[in-house]
PDB file of N, CA and C in Angstrom:
ATOM      1  N   MET A   1     -11.545  26.849  24.901  1.00  0.00           N
ATOM      2  CA  MET A   1     -11.379  27.770  23.785  1.00  0.00           C
ATOM      3  C   MET A   1     -11.919  27.135  22.511  1.00  0.00           C
ATOM      4  N   LYS A   2     -12.721  27.880  21.770  1.00  0.00           N
ATOM      5  CA  LYS A   2     -13.295  27.386  20.528  1.00  0.00           C
ATOM      6  C   LYS A   2     -12.276  27.531  19.399  1.00  0.00           C
ATOM      7  N   SER A   3     -12.159  26.487  18.586  1.00  0.00           N
ATOM      8  CA  SER A   3     -11.254  26.522  17.436  1.00  0.00           C
ATOM      9  C   SER A   3     -11.789  27.469  16.381  1.00  0.00           C
ATOM     10  N   LYS A   4     -10.869  28.005  15.563  1.00  0.00           N
ATOM     11  CA  LYS A   4     -11.238  29.009  14.574  1.00  0.00           C
ATOM     12  C   LYS A   4     -10.608  28.674  13.233  1.00  0.00           C
ATOM     13  N   ILE A   5     -11.408  28.771  12.179  1.00  0.00           N
ATOM     14  CA  ILE A   5     -10.939  28.592  10.812  1.00  0.00           C
ATOM     15  C   ILE A   5     -11.023  29.958  10.141  1.00  0.00           C
ATOM     16  N   SER A   6      -9.932  30.407   9.512  1.00  0.00           N
ATOM     17  CA  SER A   6      -9.940  31.712   8.858  1.00  0.00           C
ATOM     18  C   SER A   6      -9.138  31.649   7.563  1.00  0.00           C
ATOM     19  N   GLU A   7      -9.152  32.759   6.841  1.00  0.00           N
ATOM     20  CA  GLU A   7      -8.390  32.919   5.594  1.00  0.00           C
ATOM     21  C   GLU A   7      -8.617  31.751   4.629  1.00  0.00           C
ATOM     22  N   ILE A   8      -9.873  31.358   4.487  1.00  0.00           N
ATOM     23  CA  ILE A   8     -10.209  30.227   3.621  1.00  0.00           C
ATOM     24  C   ILE A   8     -10.073  30.643   2.163  1.00  0.00           C
ATOM     25  N   GLN A   9      -9.369  29.849   1.408  1.00  0.00           N
ATOM     26  CA  GLN A   9      -9.202  30.063  -0.031  1.00  0.00           C
ATOM     27  C   GLN A   9      -9.742  28.830  -0.756  1.00  0.00           C
ATOM     28  N   ILE A  10     -10.491  29.053  -1.823  1.00  0.00           N
ATOM     29  CA  ILE A  10     -11.012  27.976  -2.657  1.00  0.00           C
ATOM     30  C   ILE A  10     -10.493  28.206  -4.070  1.00  0.00           C
ATOM     31  N   VAL A  11      -9.907  27.180  -4.661  1.00  0.00           N
ATOM     32  CA  VAL A  11      -9.448  27.242  -6.045  1.00  0.00           C
ATOM     33  C   VAL A  11     -10.256  26.218  -6.839  1.00  0.00           C
ATOM     34  N   PRO A  12     -11.291  26.695  -7.571  1.00  0.00           N
ATOM     35  CA  PRO A  12     -12.069  25.760  -8.378  1.00  0.00           C
ATOM     36  C   PRO A  12     -11.229  25.242  -9.547  1.00  0.00           C
ATOM     37  N   ILE A  13     -11.492  24.021  -9.957  1.00  0.00           N
ATOM     38  CA  ILE A  13     -10.823  23.441 -11.121  1.00  0.00           C
ATOM     39  C   ILE A  13     -11.880  22.838 -12.034  1.00  0.00           C
ATOM     40  N   LYS A  14     -11.465  22.486 -13.242  1.00  0.00           N
ATOM     41  CA  LYS A  14     -12.366  21.760 -14.137  1.00  0.00           C
ATOM     42  C   LYS A  14     -12.646  20.410 -13.480  1.00  0.00           C
ATOM     43  N   PRO A  15     -13.917  20.073 -13.249  1.00  0.00           N
ATOM     44  CA  PRO A  15     -14.238  18.827 -12.543  1.00  0.00           C
ATOM     45  C   PRO A  15     -13.614  17.589 -13.188  1.00  0.00           C
ATOM     46  N   GLN A  16     -13.073  16.730 -12.347  1.00  0.00           N
ATOM     47  CA  GLN A  16     -12.425  15.503 -12.813  1.00  0.00           C
ATOM     48  C   GLN A  16     -12.638  14.415 -11.768  1.00  0.00           C
ATOM     49  N   ASP A  17     -13.391  13.385 -12.111  1.00  0.00           N
ATOM     50  CA  ASP A  17     -13.671  12.266 -11.200  1.00  0.00           C
ATOM     51  C   ASP A  17     -14.207  12.735  -9.852  1.00  0.00           C
ATOM     52  N   GLY A  18     -15.042  13.754  -9.860  1.00  0.00           N
ATOM     53  CA  GLY A  18     -15.642  14.269  -8.629  1.00  0.00           C
ATOM     54  C   GLY A  18     -14.862  15.394  -7.974  1.00  0.00           C
ATOM     55  N   LEU A  19     -13.584  15.543  -8.311  1.00  0.00           N
ATOM     56  CA  LEU A  19     -12.771  16.626  -7.743  1.00  0.00           C
ATOM     57  C   LEU A  19     -13.168  17.935  -8.418  1.00  0.00           C
ATOM     58  N   VAL A  20     -13.566  18.924  -7.620  1.00  0.00           N
ATOM     59  CA  VAL A  20     -14.012  20.201  -8.181  1.00  0.00           C
ATOM     60  C   VAL A  20     -13.144  21.382  -7.735  1.00  0.00           C
ATOM     61  N   GLY A  21     -12.203  21.148  -6.832  1.00  0.00           N
ATOM     62  CA  GLY A  21     -11.354  22.247  -6.401  1.00  0.00           C
ATOM     63  C   GLY A  21     -10.453  21.864  -5.245  1.00  0.00           C
ATOM     64  N   PHE A  22      -9.705  22.873  -4.799  1.00  0.00           N
ATOM     65  CA  PHE A  22      -8.814  22.703  -3.667  1.00  0.00           C
ATOM     66  C   PHE A  22      -9.062  23.819  -2.668  1.00  0.00           C
ATOM     67  N   ALA A  23      -8.896  23.505  -1.401  1.00  0.00           N
ATOM     68  CA  ALA A  23      -9.113  24.474  -0.339  1.00  0.00           C
ATOM     69  C   ALA A  23      -7.857  24.612   0.511  1.00  0.00           C
ATOM     70  N   SER A  24      -7.724  25.789   1.121  1.00  0.00           N
ATOM     71  CA  SER A  24      -6.678  26.022   2.122  1.00  0.00           C
ATOM     72  C   SER A  24      -7.276  26.935   3.182  1.00  0.00           C
ATOM     73  N   PHE A  25      -6.693  26.915   4.373  1.00  0.00           N
ATOM     74  CA  PHE A  25      -7.187  27.760   5.458  1.00  0.00           C
ATOM     75  C   PHE A  25      -6.140  27.861   6.560  1.00  0.00           C
ATOM     76  N   VAL A  26      -6.371  28.806   7.461  1.00  0.00           N
ATOM     77  CA  VAL A  26      -5.558  28.962   8.668  1.00  0.00           C
ATOM     78  C   VAL A  26      -6.392  28.453   9.837  1.00  0.00           C
ATOM     79  N   PHE A  27      -5.766  27.631  10.670  1.00  0.00           N
ATOM     80  CA  PHE A  27      -6.436  27.041  11.828  1.00  0.00           C
ATOM     81  C   PHE A  27      -5.911  27.687  13.096  1.00  0.00           C
ATOM     82  N   ASP A  28      -6.831  28.247  13.892  1.00  0.00           N
ATOM     83  CA  ASP A  28      -6.499  28.879  15.180  1.00  0.00           C
ATOM     84  C   ASP A  28      -5.369  29.907  15.093  1.00  0.00           C
ATOM     85  N   ASP A  29      -5.295  30.610  13.972  1.00  0.00           N
ATOM     86  CA  ASP A  29      -4.283  31.661  13.765  1.00  0.00           C
ATOM     87  C   ASP A  29      -2.845  31.166  13.903  1.00  0.00           C
ATOM     88  N   ASN A  30      -2.643  29.835  13.824  1.00  0.00           N
ATOM     89  CA  ASN A  30      -1.299  29.298  14.038  1.00  0.00           C
ATOM     90  C   ASN A  30      -0.830  28.304  12.988  1.00  0.00           C
ATOM     91  N   PHE A  31      -1.746  27.647  12.292  1.00  0.00           N
ATOM     92  CA  PHE A  31      -1.351  26.611  11.338  1.00  0.00           C
ATOM     93  C   PHE A  31      -2.023  26.856   9.994  1.00  0.00           C
ATOM     94  N   TYR A  32      -1.238  26.707   8.918  1.00  0.00           N
ATOM     95  CA  TYR A  32      -1.762  26.844   7.561  1.00  0.00           C
ATOM     96  C   TYR A  32      -1.907  25.453   6.960  1.00  0.00           C
ATOM     97  N   PHE A  33      -3.088  25.142   6.448  1.00  0.00           N
ATOM     98  CA  PHE A  33      -3.360  23.856   5.807  1.00  0.00           C
ATOM     99  C   PHE A  33      -3.728  24.110   4.352  1.00  0.00           C
ATOM    100  N   SER A  34      -3.179  23.307   3.445  1.00  0.00           N
ATOM    101  CA  SER A  34      -3.472  23.496   2.028  1.00  0.00           C
ATOM    102  C   SER A  34      -3.576  22.158   1.312  1.00  0.00           C
ATOM    103  N   SER A  35      -3.885  22.234   0.028  1.00  0.00           N
ATOM    104  CA  SER A  35      -4.012  21.049  -0.841  1.00  0.00           C
ATOM    105  C   SER A  35      -5.104  20.103  -0.378  1.00  0.00           C
ATOM    106  N   ILE A  36      -6.171  20.656   0.167  1.00  0.00           N
ATOM    107  CA  ILE A  36      -7.307  19.851   0.602  1.00  0.00           C
ATOM    108  C   ILE A  36      -8.253  19.708  -0.589  1.00  0.00           C
ATOM    109  N   GLY A  37      -8.476  18.481  -1.012  1.00  0.00           N
ATOM    110  CA  GLY A  37      -9.342  18.233  -2.159  1.00  0.00           C
ATOM    111  C   GLY A  37     -10.804  18.431  -1.800  1.00  0.00           C
ATOM    112  N   VAL A  38     -11.542  19.069  -2.710  1.00  0.00           N
ATOM    113  CA  VAL A  38     -12.981  19.250  -2.554  1.00  0.00           C
ATOM    114  C   VAL A  38     -13.650  18.406  -3.629  1.00  0.00           C
ATOM    115  N   TYR A  39     -14.431  17.424  -3.192  1.00  0.00           N
ATOM    116  CA  TYR A  39     -15.102  16.487  -4.094  1.00  0.00           C
ATOM    117  C   TYR A  39     -16.608  16.595  -3.954  1.00  0.00           C
ATOM    118  N   THR A  40     -17.330  16.332  -5.052  1.00  0.00           N
ATOM    119  CA  THR A  40     -18.780  16.213  -4.965  1.00  0.00           C
ATOM    120  C   THR A  40     -19.120  14.825  -4.446  1.00  0.00           C
ATOM    121  N   ARG A  41     -20.220  14.736  -3.736  1.00  0.00           N
ATOM    122  CA  ARG A  41     -20.747  13.443  -3.274  1.00  0.00           C
ATOM    123  C   ARG A  41     -21.760  12.953  -4.308  1.00  0.00           C
ATOM    124  N   PRO A  42     -21.820  11.640  -4.552  1.00  0.00           N
ATOM    125  CA  PRO A  42     -22.770  11.113  -5.537  1.00  0.00           C
ATOM    126  C   PRO A  42     -24.224  11.496  -5.258  1.00  0.00           C
ATOM    127  N   ASN A  43     -24.607  11.619  -3.980  1.00  0.00           N
ATOM    128  CA  ASN A  43     -25.984  11.946  -3.617  1.00  0.00           C
ATOM    129  C   ASN A  43     -26.172  13.423  -3.299  1.00  0.00           C
ATOM    130  N   GLY A  44     -25.229  14.269  -3.723  1.00  0.00           N
ATOM    131  CA  GLY A  44     -25.310  15.701  -3.473  1.00  0.00           C
ATOM    132  C   GLY A  44     -24.415  16.127  -2.325  1.00  0.00           C
ATOM    133  N   GLY A  45     -23.999  17.359  -2.348  1.00  0.00           N
ATOM    134  CA  GLY A  45     -23.112  17.885  -1.325  1.00  0.00           C
ATOM    135  C   GLY A  45     -21.658  17.681  -1.688  1.00  0.00           C
ATOM    136  N   TYR A  46     -20.799  17.890  -0.707  1.00  0.00           N
ATOM    137  CA  TYR A  46     -19.355  17.833  -0.924  1.00  0.00           C
ATOM    138  C   TYR A  46     -18.680  17.049   0.194  1.00  0.00           C
ATOM    139  N   ARG A  47     -17.452  16.661  -0.070  1.00  0.00           N
ATOM    140  CA  ARG A  47     -16.605  16.043   0.951  1.00  0.00           C
ATOM    141  C   ARG A  47     -15.189  16.567   0.757  1.00  0.00           C
ATOM    142  N   LEU A  48     -14.412  16.529   1.814  1.00  0.00           N
ATOM    143  CA  LEU A  48     -13.029  16.996   1.770  1.00  0.00           C
ATOM    144  C   LEU A  48     -12.079  15.818   1.924  1.00  0.00           C
ATOM    145  N   THR A  49     -10.928  15.912   1.265  1.00  0.00           N
ATOM    146  CA  THR A  49      -9.878  14.915   1.447  1.00  0.00           C
ATOM    147  C   THR A  49      -8.579  15.639   1.764  1.00  0.00           C
ATOM    148  N   CYS A  50      -7.877  15.125   2.737  1.00  0.00           N
ATOM    149  CA  CYS A  50      -6.585  15.707   3.111  1.00  0.00           C
ATOM    150  C   CYS A  50      -5.471  15.028   2.316  1.00  0.00           C
ATOM    151  N   PRO A  51      -4.388  15.746   2.071  1.00  0.00           N
ATOM    152  CA  PRO A  51      -3.314  15.183   1.255  1.00  0.00           C
ATOM    153  C   PRO A  51      -2.595  14.017   1.936  1.00  0.00           C
ATOM    154  N   THR A  52      -2.072  13.132   1.108  1.00  0.00           N
ATOM    155  CA  THR A  52      -1.288  11.998   1.587  1.00  0.00           C
ATOM    156  C   THR A  52       0.011  11.925   0.807  1.00  0.00           C
ATOM    157  N   ARG A  53       0.960  11.200   1.352  1.00  0.00           N
ATOM    158  CA  ARG A  53       2.226  10.944   0.669  1.00  0.00           C
ATOM    159  C   ARG A  53       2.293   9.446   0.422  1.00  0.00           C
ATOM    160  N   LYS A  54       2.493   9.092  -0.837  1.00  0.00           N
ATOM    161  CA  LYS A  54       2.545   7.669  -1.179  1.00  0.00           C
ATOM    162  C   LYS A  54       3.970   7.160  -1.074  1.00  0.00           C
ATOM    163  N   THR A  55       4.105   6.032  -0.399  1.00  0.00           N
ATOM    164  CA  THR A  55       5.389   5.339  -0.332  1.00  0.00           C
ATOM    165  C   THR A  55       5.213   4.019  -1.071  1.00  0.00           C
ATOM    166  N   SER A  56       6.257   3.243  -1.145  1.00  0.00           N
ATOM    167  CA  SER A  56       6.136   1.947  -1.817  1.00  0.00           C
ATOM    168  C   SER A  56       5.279   0.972  -1.009  1.00  0.00           C
ATOM    169  N   PHE A  57       5.036   1.290   0.252  1.00  0.00           N
ATOM    170  CA  PHE A  57       4.278   0.382   1.120  1.00  0.00           C
ATOM    171  C   PHE A  57       2.877   0.871   1.455  1.00  0.00           C
ATOM    172  N   ALA A  58       2.669   2.175   1.515  1.00  0.00           N
ATOM    173  CA  ALA A  58       1.382   2.689   1.977  1.00  0.00           C
ATOM    174  C   ALA A  58       1.183   4.132   1.543  1.00  0.00           C
ATOM    175  N   SER A  59      -0.013   4.610   1.759  1.00  0.00           N
ATOM    176  CA  SER A  59      -0.339   6.004   1.555  1.00  0.00           C
ATOM    177  C   SER A  59      -0.465   6.626   2.949  1.00  0.00           C
ATOM    178  N   LEU A  60       0.433   7.534   3.281  1.00  0.00           N
ATOM    179  CA  LEU A  60       0.507   8.092   4.636  1.00  0.00           C
ATOM    180  C   LEU A  60      -0.110   9.493   4.689  1.00  0.00           C
ATOM    181  N   PRO A  61      -0.959   9.755   5.678  1.00  0.00           N
ATOM    182  CA  PRO A  61      -1.548  11.090   5.780  1.00  0.00           C
ATOM    183  C   PRO A  61      -0.497  12.134   6.164  1.00  0.00           C
ATOM    184  N   ILE A  62      -0.577  13.280   5.513  1.00  0.00           N
ATOM    185  CA  ILE A  62       0.313  14.392   5.867  1.00  0.00           C
ATOM    186  C   ILE A  62      -0.282  15.126   7.072  1.00  0.00           C
ATOM    187  N   PHE A  63      -1.591  15.320   7.053  1.00  0.00           N
ATOM    188  CA  PHE A  63      -2.333  15.858   8.189  1.00  0.00           C
ATOM    189  C   PHE A  63      -3.795  15.473   8.014  1.00  0.00           C
ATOM    190  N   HIS A  64      -4.554  15.489   9.101  1.00  0.00           N
ATOM    191  CA  HIS A  64      -5.986  15.225   9.048  1.00  0.00           C
ATOM    192  C   HIS A  64      -6.597  15.582  10.389  1.00  0.00           C
ATOM    193  N   PRO A  65      -7.889  15.924  10.401  1.00  0.00           N
ATOM    194  CA  PRO A  65      -8.556  16.200  11.680  1.00  0.00           C
ATOM    195  C   PRO A  65      -8.591  14.932  12.532  1.00  0.00           C
ATOM    196  N   ILE A  66      -8.543  15.096  13.845  1.00  0.00           N
ATOM    197  CA  ILE A  66      -8.493  13.910  14.700  1.00  0.00           C
ATOM    198  C   ILE A  66      -9.800  13.605  15.417  1.00  0.00           C
ATOM    199  N   ASN A  67     -10.811  14.471  15.223  1.00  0.00           N
ATOM    200  CA  ASN A  67     -12.104  14.155  15.833  1.00  0.00           C
ATOM    201  C   ASN A  67     -13.239  14.761  15.003  1.00  0.00           C
ATOM    202  N   LYS A  68     -14.460  14.305  15.280  1.00  0.00           N
ATOM    203  CA  LYS A  68     -15.624  14.734  14.503  1.00  0.00           C
ATOM    204  C   LYS A  68     -15.931  16.215  14.694  1.00  0.00           C
ATOM    205  N   GLU A  69     -15.647  16.749  15.874  1.00  0.00           N
ATOM    206  CA  GLU A  69     -15.925  18.165  16.142  1.00  0.00           C
ATOM    207  C   GLU A  69     -15.105  19.063  15.207  1.00  0.00           C
ATOM    208  N   ILE A  70     -13.820  18.796  15.122  1.00  0.00           N
ATOM    209  CA  ILE A  70     -12.947  19.601  14.260  1.00  0.00           C
ATOM    210  C   ILE A  70     -13.272  19.359  12.785  1.00  0.00           C
ATOM    211  N   THR A  71     -13.537  18.094  12.436  1.00  0.00           N
ATOM    212  CA  THR A  71     -13.930  17.785  11.054  1.00  0.00           C
ATOM    213  C   THR A  71     -15.170  18.583  10.672  1.00  0.00           C
ATOM    214  N   GLY A  72     -16.170  18.593  11.547  1.00  0.00           N
ATOM    215  CA  GLY A  72     -17.403  19.324  11.284  1.00  0.00           C
ATOM    216  C   GLY A  72     -17.179  20.814  11.143  1.00  0.00           C
ATOM    217  N   LEU A  73     -16.337  21.385  11.997  1.00  0.00           N
ATOM    218  CA  LEU A  73     -16.030  22.815  11.926  1.00  0.00           C
ATOM    219  C   LEU A  73     -15.364  23.153  10.597  1.00  0.00           C
ATOM    220  N   ILE A  74     -14.365  22.363  10.209  1.00  0.00           N
ATOM    221  CA  ILE A  74     -13.654  22.608   8.953  1.00  0.00           C
ATOM    222  C   ILE A  74     -14.625  22.498   7.775  1.00  0.00           C
ATOM    223  N   GLU A  75     -15.415  21.431   7.752  1.00  0.00           N
ATOM    224  CA  GLU A  75     -16.358  21.247   6.647  1.00  0.00           C
ATOM    225  C   GLU A  75     -17.354  22.395   6.576  1.00  0.00           C
ATOM    226  N   GLN A  76     -17.904  22.786   7.697  1.00  0.00           N
ATOM    227  CA  GLN A  76     -18.886  23.874   7.716  1.00  0.00           C
ATOM    228  C   GLN A  76     -18.298  25.156   7.129  1.00  0.00           C
ATOM    229  N   GLU A  77     -17.122  25.540   7.585  1.00  0.00           N
ATOM    230  CA  GLU A  77     -16.515  26.787   7.127  1.00  0.00           C
ATOM    231  C   GLU A  77     -16.089  26.717   5.659  1.00  0.00           C
ATOM    232  N   VAL A  78     -15.481  25.609   5.271  1.00  0.00           N
ATOM    233  CA  VAL A  78     -15.019  25.472   3.882  1.00  0.00           C
ATOM    234  C   VAL A  78     -16.213  25.402   2.929  1.00  0.00           C
ATOM    235  N   PHE A  79     -17.259  24.653   3.287  1.00  0.00           N
ATOM    236  CA  PHE A  79     -18.423  24.540   2.411  1.00  0.00           C
ATOM    237  C   PHE A  79     -19.160  25.872   2.289  1.00  0.00           C
ATOM    238  N   THR A  80     -19.188  26.665   3.362  1.00  0.00           N
ATOM    239  CA  THR A  80     -19.785  27.997   3.296  1.00  0.00           C
ATOM    240  C   THR A  80     -19.011  28.869   2.307  1.00  0.00           C
ATOM    241  N   LYS A  81     -17.701  28.843   2.405  1.00  0.00           N
ATOM    242  CA  LYS A  81     -16.868  29.624   1.484  1.00  0.00           C
ATOM    243  C   LYS A  81     -17.025  29.110   0.051  1.00  0.00           C
ATOM    244  N   LEU A  82     -17.094  27.803  -0.122  1.00  0.00           N
ATOM    245  CA  LEU A  82     -17.275  27.211  -1.440  1.00  0.00           C
ATOM    246  C   LEU A  82     -18.571  27.714  -2.071  1.00  0.00           C
ATOM    247  N   GLN A  83     -19.636  27.758  -1.306  1.00  0.00           N
ATOM    248  CA  GLN A  83     -20.910  28.257  -1.805  1.00  0.00           C
ATOM    249  C   GLN A  83     -20.782  29.708  -2.236  1.00  0.00           C
ATOM    250  N   GLU A  84     -20.074  30.536  -1.467  1.00  0.00           N
ATOM    251  CA  GLU A  84     -19.854  31.942  -1.834  1.00  0.00           C
ATOM    252  C   GLU A  84     -19.113  32.044  -3.161  1.00  0.00           C
ATOM    253  N   VAL A  85     -18.098  31.210  -3.341  1.00  0.00           N
ATOM    254  CA  VAL A  85     -17.309  31.226  -4.582  1.00  0.00           C
ATOM    255  C   VAL A  85     -18.206  30.874  -5.766  1.00  0.00           C
ATOM    256  N   TYR A  86     -19.023  29.828  -5.628  1.00  0.00           N
ATOM    257  CA  TYR A  86     -19.904  29.411  -6.728  1.00  0.00           C
ATOM    258  C   TYR A  86     -20.974  30.452  -7.020  1.00  0.00           C
ATOM    259  N   GLU A  87     -21.462  31.164  -6.004  1.00  0.00           N
ATOM    260  CA  GLU A  87     -22.470  32.202  -6.224  1.00  0.00           C
ATOM    261  C   GLU A  87     -21.895  33.381  -6.979  1.00  0.00           C
ATOM    262  N   ARG A  88     -20.618  33.658  -6.830  1.00  0.00           N
ATOM    263  CA  ARG A  88     -19.976  34.782  -7.537  1.00  0.00           C
ATOM    264  C   ARG A  88     -19.684  34.453  -8.994  1.00  0.00           C
ATOM    265  N   GLN A  89     -19.628  33.172  -9.329  1.00  0.00           N
ATOM    266  CA  GLN A  89     -19.289  32.783 -10.706  1.00  0.00           C
ATOM    267  C   GLN A  89     -20.465  32.881 -11.631  1.00  0.00           C
TER     268      GLN A  89
END
């Protein structure tokens, strides 16, 4: 079964240290993911960062993709939506 990304939301913000917005989406009609940072890359393009929780000892991931296939799918869909948002502005 192929994984599916839907209901993608992009919230642009005033750029700050490369951060240009936040993304959220529904994965496989079962899980909602939010607070994903959208950053510009120094050489062009974008990258995504998943939220973490900081403790006194470490920064722990709240969630993140576990393989390149899923990472690529998420990036492709989110970046497509991001481009649509920027074209409307």
